[in-house]
Amino acid sequence: KPSTRQRFVAIEFDFLPRAAEIAVVAQESGLAEERVAPLVDLAARLRALKGHDLEEGVSTRLLVYCASLVEAGMPVREAVLAAMIEPLTDERDIRTALLEIAGSVIP
């Protein structure tokens, strides 16, 4: 009920600025910043879809998972699918659209 929300303190915050997010993901995953940058850019594009076709956006945690997979030797496209796209949706047509977006950002 609405009065329950009044019992807690709430703080709203957004994602880190691009440069800071790149630095954090690179530090946490071990992947070089120049390889992390396209992943952060893709996450920003996918986050823009939140509320349209997606309920959630790509978290920094998912970015770290993705970058860690790439650092471990997984091909980038497979890592993006496993760590950034699959966690966002179970719907095949949305997944296909997200893969198309990924293909335009990730070489």
C-alpha atoms as a PDB file:
ATOM      1  CA  LYS A   1       0.000   0.000   0.000  1.00  0.00           C
ATOM      2  CA  PRO A   2       1.206   3.582  -0.588  1.00  0.00           C
ATOM      3  CA  SER A   3       1.973   4.314   3.061  1.00  0.00           C
ATOM      4  CA  THR A   4       4.533   1.479   3.070  1.00  0.00           C
ATOM      5  CA  ARG A   5       6.681   3.422   0.593  1.00  0.00           C
ATOM      6  CA  GLN A   6       6.824   6.285   3.071  1.00  0.00           C
ATOM      7  CA  ARG A   7       8.744   4.134   5.540  1.00  0.00           C
ATOM      8  CA  PHE A   8      11.877   4.038   3.423  1.00  0.00           C
ATOM      9  CA  VAL A   9      14.322   6.527   2.007  1.00  0.00           C
ATOM     10  CA  ALA A  10      14.561   6.423  -1.768  1.00  0.00           C
ATOM     11  CA  ILE A  11      17.428   7.666  -3.895  1.00  0.00           C
ATOM     12  CA  GLU A  12      17.122   7.795  -7.649  1.00  0.00           C
ATOM     13  CA  PHE A  13      20.279   7.607  -9.726  1.00  0.00           C
ATOM     14  CA  ASP A  14      21.185   7.072 -13.342  1.00  0.00           C
ATOM     15  CA  PHE A  15      23.942   5.120 -15.065  1.00  0.00           C
ATOM     16  CA  LEU A  16      27.493   6.407 -14.907  1.00  0.00           C
ATOM     17  CA  PRO A  17      28.690   8.801 -17.596  1.00  0.00           C
ATOM     18  CA  ARG A  18      30.188   6.965 -20.585  1.00  0.00           C
ATOM     19  CA  ALA A  19      33.855   7.507 -19.691  1.00  0.00           C
ATOM     20  CA  ALA A  20      33.335   6.460 -16.079  1.00  0.00           C
ATOM     21  CA  GLU A  21      31.369   3.364 -17.065  1.00  0.00           C
ATOM     22  CA  ILE A  22      34.084   2.351 -19.516  1.00  0.00           C
ATOM     23  CA  ALA A  23      36.694   2.714 -16.760  1.00  0.00           C
ATOM     24  CA  VAL A  24      34.645   0.674 -14.263  1.00  0.00           C
ATOM     25  CA  VAL A  25      33.869  -2.135 -16.711  1.00  0.00           C
ATOM     26  CA  ALA A  26      37.499  -2.281 -17.856  1.00  0.00           C
ATOM     27  CA  GLN A  27      38.759  -2.405 -14.268  1.00  0.00           C
ATOM     28  CA  GLU A  28      36.285  -5.089 -13.202  1.00  0.00           C
ATOM     29  CA  SER A  29      36.646  -7.306 -16.281  1.00  0.00           C
ATOM     30  CA  GLY A  30      40.289  -6.841 -17.228  1.00  0.00           C
ATOM     31  CA  LEU A  31      39.273  -6.021 -20.807  1.00  0.00           C
ATOM     32  CA  ALA A  32      41.026  -3.013 -22.361  1.00  0.00           C
ATOM     33  CA  GLU A  33      39.047   0.231 -22.392  1.00  0.00           C
ATOM     34  CA  GLU A  34      39.102   0.471 -26.192  1.00  0.00           C
ATOM     35  CA  ARG A  35      37.389  -2.939 -26.336  1.00  0.00           C
ATOM     36  CA  VAL A  36      34.934  -2.017 -23.576  1.00  0.00           C
ATOM     37  CA  ALA A  37      33.826   1.242 -25.248  1.00  0.00           C
ATOM     38  CA  PRO A  38      31.677  -0.408 -27.981  1.00  0.00           C
ATOM     39  CA  LEU A  39      29.975  -2.548 -25.332  1.00  0.00           C
ATOM     40  CA  VAL A  40      29.114   0.557 -23.292  1.00  0.00           C
ATOM     41  CA  ASP A  41      27.828   2.259 -26.447  1.00  0.00           C
ATOM     42  CA  LEU A  42      25.642  -0.763 -27.211  1.00  0.00           C
ATOM     43  CA  ALA A  43      24.306  -0.771 -23.657  1.00  0.00           C
ATOM     44  CA  ALA A  44      23.340   2.896 -24.034  1.00  0.00           C
ATOM     45  CA  ARG A  45      21.395   2.113 -27.215  1.00  0.00           C
ATOM     46  CA  LEU A  46      19.634  -0.818 -25.577  1.00  0.00           C
ATOM     47  CA  ARG A  47      18.855   1.256 -22.474  1.00  0.00           C
ATOM     48  CA  ALA A  48      17.076   3.753 -24.717  1.00  0.00           C
ATOM     49  CA  LEU A  49      14.545   1.002 -25.483  1.00  0.00           C
ATOM     50  CA  LYS A  50      13.557   0.579 -21.826  1.00  0.00           C
ATOM     51  CA  GLY A  51       9.860   1.198 -21.517  1.00  0.00           C
ATOM     52  CA  HIS A  52       9.260   0.549 -25.221  1.00  0.00           C
ATOM     53  CA  ASP A  53      10.072  -3.068 -25.932  1.00  0.00           C
ATOM     54  CA  LEU A  54      12.013  -3.817 -22.751  1.00  0.00           C
ATOM     55  CA  GLU A  55      11.158  -3.625 -19.079  1.00  0.00           C
ATOM     56  CA  GLU A  56      14.804  -3.420 -18.016  1.00  0.00           C
ATOM     57  CA  GLY A  57      17.927  -1.891 -19.464  1.00  0.00           C
ATOM     58  CA  VAL A  58      21.443  -3.320 -19.600  1.00  0.00           C
ATOM     59  CA  SER A  59      23.010  -2.881 -16.175  1.00  0.00           C
ATOM     60  CA  THR A  60      26.659  -2.132 -15.576  1.00  0.00           C
ATOM     61  CA  ARG A  61      26.821  -5.584 -13.982  1.00  0.00           C
ATOM     62  CA  LEU A  62      25.724  -7.186 -17.274  1.00  0.00           C
ATOM     63  CA  LEU A  63      28.374  -5.129 -19.058  1.00  0.00           C
ATOM     64  CA  VAL A  64      31.017  -6.476 -16.687  1.00  0.00           C
ATOM     65  CA  TYR A  65      29.806 -10.037 -17.331  1.00  0.00           C
ATOM     66  CA  CYS A  66      29.938  -9.466 -21.077  1.00  0.00           C
ATOM     67  CA  ALA A  67      33.410  -7.914 -20.986  1.00  0.00           C
ATOM     68  CA  SER A  68      34.641 -10.722 -18.724  1.00  0.00           C
ATOM     69  CA  LEU A  69      33.458 -13.300 -21.251  1.00  0.00           C
ATOM     70  CA  VAL A  70      35.259 -11.454 -24.045  1.00  0.00           C
ATOM     71  CA  GLU A  71      38.407 -11.200 -21.917  1.00  0.00           C
ATOM     72  CA  ALA A  72      38.197 -14.974 -21.325  1.00  0.00           C
ATOM     73  CA  GLY A  73      38.195 -15.571 -25.094  1.00  0.00           C
ATOM     74  CA  MET A  74      34.532 -15.740 -26.069  1.00  0.00           C
ATOM     75  CA  PRO A  75      33.760 -14.045 -29.392  1.00  0.00           C
ATOM     76  CA  VAL A  76      32.203 -10.612 -28.841  1.00  0.00           C
ATOM     77  CA  ARG A  77      28.901 -11.366 -30.567  1.00  0.00           C
ATOM     78  CA  GLU A  78      28.402 -14.527 -28.506  1.00  0.00           C
ATOM     79  CA  ALA A  79      29.263 -12.674 -25.291  1.00  0.00           C
ATOM     80  CA  VAL A  80      26.820  -9.888 -26.160  1.00  0.00           C
ATOM     81  CA  LEU A  81      24.070 -12.421 -26.799  1.00  0.00           C
ATOM     82  CA  ALA A  82      24.757 -14.387 -23.611  1.00  0.00           C
ATOM     83  CA  ALA A  83      25.342 -11.518 -21.189  1.00  0.00           C
ATOM     84  CA  MET A  84      23.469  -8.526 -22.587  1.00  0.00           C
ATOM     85  CA  ILE A  85      20.591  -9.686 -24.792  1.00  0.00           C
ATOM     86  CA  GLU A  86      19.402 -13.032 -23.420  1.00  0.00           C
ATOM     87  CA  PRO A  87      18.946 -11.631 -19.877  1.00  0.00           C
ATOM     88  CA  LEU A  88      16.668  -8.868 -21.216  1.00  0.00           C
ATOM     89  CA  THR A  89      14.015 -10.869 -23.048  1.00  0.00           C
ATOM     90  CA  ASP A  90      12.639 -14.300 -23.825  1.00  0.00           C
ATOM     91  CA  GLU A  91      10.727 -13.076 -26.869  1.00  0.00           C
ATOM     92  CA  ARG A  92      12.292 -14.202 -30.123  1.00  0.00           C
ATOM     93  CA  ASP A  93      11.284 -11.179 -32.217  1.00  0.00           C
ATOM     94  CA  ILE A  94      12.600  -8.711 -29.634  1.00  0.00           C
ATOM     95  CA  ARG A  95      15.820 -10.699 -29.295  1.00  0.00           C
ATOM     96  CA  THR A  96      16.230 -10.603 -33.080  1.00  0.00           C
ATOM     97  CA  ALA A  97      15.743  -6.820 -33.106  1.00  0.00           C
ATOM     98  CA  LEU A  98      18.272  -6.405 -30.276  1.00  0.00           C
ATOM     99  CA  LEU A  99      20.772  -8.516 -32.200  1.00  0.00           C
ATOM    100  CA  GLU A 100      20.323  -6.250 -35.207  1.00  0.00           C
ATOM    101  CA  ILE A 101      21.077  -3.233 -33.031  1.00  0.00           C
ATOM    102  CA  ALA A 102      24.117  -5.048 -31.624  1.00  0.00           C
ATOM    103  CA  GLY A 103      25.326  -5.786 -35.147  1.00  0.00           C
ATOM    104  CA  SER A 104      25.215  -2.090 -36.000  1.00  0.00           C
ATOM    105  CA  VAL A 105      27.345  -1.152 -32.961  1.00  0.00           C
ATOM    106  CA  ILE A 106      29.679  -4.139 -32.538  1.00  0.00           C
ATOM    107  CA  PRO A 107      31.882  -4.794 -35.570  1.00  0.00           C
END
